[in-house]
Amino acid sequence: MEHVDGHAHGTPAPRLLPWLSSDGKPCYLITGNGAGYLSRLADDLEAVQLATGTDVLGFARKVLEDSESPCTELRFAGLRLAECLTDALRVAESRGRRLPVPETEDAEEDEEGEERAHSRGWTDLSS
């Protein structure tokens, strides 16, 4: 039976990693239990990215709340916030893809879910 997230018969979907390839493309890891070296490295980097986002948000708020902040500081804060948001969204996407898919009773709901997954660019890599 194939599920909305693209895995069939318990085959794990590829994990979206928190870094890009040298040519700027997404990197994926196919793993069994998530306990390998690259999985742990990805977990650690995700934690660092989220902590950095929290720190940057705190600094940016100070700059944004100060009506005397120069334009260059505002621009720098905005750029850093955009970088951190990009990282946080990537972490959320990666973690969301790894959530278990609930079983549905209605085949029509399954078809709608598959259409949504296709529209998001998710494909079945297990076949």
Protein backbone atom coordinates (compact mmCIF):
# COMPACT_ATOMS: atom_id res chain seq x y z
CA MET A 1 0.00 0.00 0.00
CA GLU A 2 1.37 3.41 -0.95
CA HIS A 3 1.01 6.36 1.44
CA VAL A 4 0.64 10.09 0.81
CA ASP A 5 4.22 10.81 1.76
CA GLY A 6 5.53 8.51 -0.91
CA HIS A 7 6.71 5.55 1.11
CA ALA A 8 5.31 2.12 0.68
CA HIS A 9 5.46 -0.90 2.96
CA GLY A 10 7.35 0.97 5.70
CA THR A 11 10.18 2.15 3.45
CA PRO A 12 11.42 5.44 4.92
CA ALA A 13 11.27 8.54 2.74
CA PRO A 14 14.57 10.31 2.06
CA ARG A 15 15.44 12.83 4.76
CA LEU A 16 15.88 16.43 3.63
CA LEU A 17 19.22 17.53 5.10
CA PRO A 18 19.82 20.99 6.59
CA TRP A 19 22.49 21.90 4.03
CA LEU A 20 22.70 22.37 0.28
CA SER A 21 25.03 20.75 -2.22
CA SER A 22 27.94 22.76 -3.64
CA ASP A 23 25.71 23.76 -6.56
CA GLY A 24 22.87 24.91 -4.27
CA LYS A 25 20.58 21.90 -4.62
CA PRO A 26 18.82 20.10 -1.73
CA CYS A 27 20.60 17.12 -0.20
CA TYR A 28 18.77 13.99 0.94
CA LEU A 29 19.72 11.02 3.07
CA ILE A 30 18.16 7.58 2.83
CA THR A 31 18.49 6.01 6.22
CA GLY A 32 17.00 3.11 8.11
CA ASN A 33 16.78 4.12 11.74
CA GLY A 34 18.17 7.67 11.79
CA ALA A 35 20.97 6.74 14.20
CA GLY A 36 23.87 6.96 11.74
CA TYR A 37 26.63 9.56 11.68
CA LEU A 38 25.04 11.77 9.00
CA SER A 39 21.65 11.67 10.74
CA ARG A 40 23.24 12.77 14.03
CA LEU A 41 25.23 15.48 12.22
CA ALA A 42 22.02 16.73 10.58
CA ASP A 43 20.22 16.72 13.96
CA ASP A 44 23.06 18.72 15.51
CA LEU A 45 23.11 21.24 12.67
CA GLU A 46 19.34 21.68 12.84
CA ALA A 47 19.64 22.42 16.57
CA VAL A 48 22.39 24.98 15.88
CA GLN A 49 20.33 26.60 13.11
CA LEU A 50 17.27 26.95 15.34
CA ALA A 51 19.32 28.31 18.26
CA THR A 52 21.00 30.80 15.92
CA GLY A 53 17.57 31.90 14.71
CA THR A 54 16.51 32.57 18.29
CA ASP A 55 19.65 34.62 18.93
CA VAL A 56 19.32 36.60 15.70
CA LEU A 57 15.66 37.31 16.45
CA GLY A 58 16.62 38.75 19.83
CA PHE A 59 19.28 41.02 18.32
CA ALA A 60 17.02 42.04 15.44
CA ARG A 61 14.22 43.04 17.79
CA LYS A 62 16.58 45.43 19.56
CA VAL A 63 17.59 47.02 16.27
CA LEU A 64 14.00 47.23 15.04
CA GLU A 65 12.72 48.73 18.30
CA ASP A 66 15.35 51.51 18.22
CA SER A 67 14.00 54.33 16.07
CA GLU A 68 17.57 55.65 15.74
CA SER A 69 18.94 52.46 14.15
CA PRO A 70 20.87 53.20 10.96
CA CYS A 71 19.63 51.76 7.67
CA THR A 72 22.67 49.50 7.37
CA GLU A 73 21.89 47.85 10.72
CA LEU A 74 18.24 47.39 9.73
CA ARG A 75 19.29 45.85 6.41
CA PHE A 76 21.80 43.56 8.13
CA ALA A 77 19.15 42.46 10.65
CA GLY A 78 16.67 41.80 7.84
CA LEU A 79 19.15 39.74 5.85
CA ARG A 80 20.09 37.64 8.88
CA LEU A 81 16.42 37.12 9.75
CA ALA A 82 15.75 35.95 6.19
CA GLU A 83 18.64 33.47 6.41
CA CYS A 84 17.40 32.13 9.74
CA LEU A 85 13.81 31.85 8.48
CA THR A 86 15.06 29.90 5.46
CA ASP A 87 16.88 27.50 7.80
CA ALA A 88 13.87 27.15 10.13
CA LEU A 89 11.51 26.43 7.23
CA ARG A 90 13.92 23.79 5.91
CA VAL A 91 14.06 22.15 9.36
CA ALA A 92 10.25 22.22 9.58
CA GLU A 93 9.90 20.70 6.11
CA SER A 94 12.43 17.98 6.90
CA ARG A 95 10.78 17.09 10.20
CA GLY A 96 7.30 17.27 8.73
CA ARG A 97 8.23 14.78 6.01
CA ARG A 98 9.39 12.34 8.68
CA LEU A 99 6.14 12.39 10.67
CA PRO A 100 4.19 9.14 10.54
CA VAL A 101 1.32 9.15 8.07
CA PRO A 102 -2.04 8.31 9.64
CA GLU A 103 -3.98 5.53 7.99
CA THR A 104 -7.16 6.74 6.28
CA GLU A 105 -10.33 4.75 5.83
CA ASP A 106 -11.51 6.51 2.70
CA ALA A 107 -9.69 5.81 -0.58
CA GLU A 108 -10.88 9.17 -1.90
CA GLU A 109 -8.98 10.96 0.92
CA ASP A 110 -5.86 8.99 -0.08
CA GLU A 111 -6.17 10.16 -3.68
CA GLU A 112 -6.60 13.80 -2.59
CA GLY A 113 -3.53 13.47 -0.37
CA GLU A 114 -1.50 12.04 -3.22
CA GLU A 115 -2.54 14.95 -5.43
CA ARG A 116 -1.44 17.43 -2.73
CA ALA A 117 1.89 15.63 -2.36
CA HIS A 118 2.42 15.75 -6.13
CA SER A 119 1.63 19.47 -6.21
CA ARG A 120 4.34 20.00 -3.57
CA GLY A 121 6.89 18.16 -5.69
CA TRP A 122 7.03 15.03 -3.53
CA THR A 123 7.54 11.88 -5.52
CA ASP A 124 7.58 8.21 -4.79
CA LEU A 125 11.25 7.23 -4.75
CA SER A 126 10.58 3.72 -3.47
CA SER A 127 9.42 2.22 -6.78
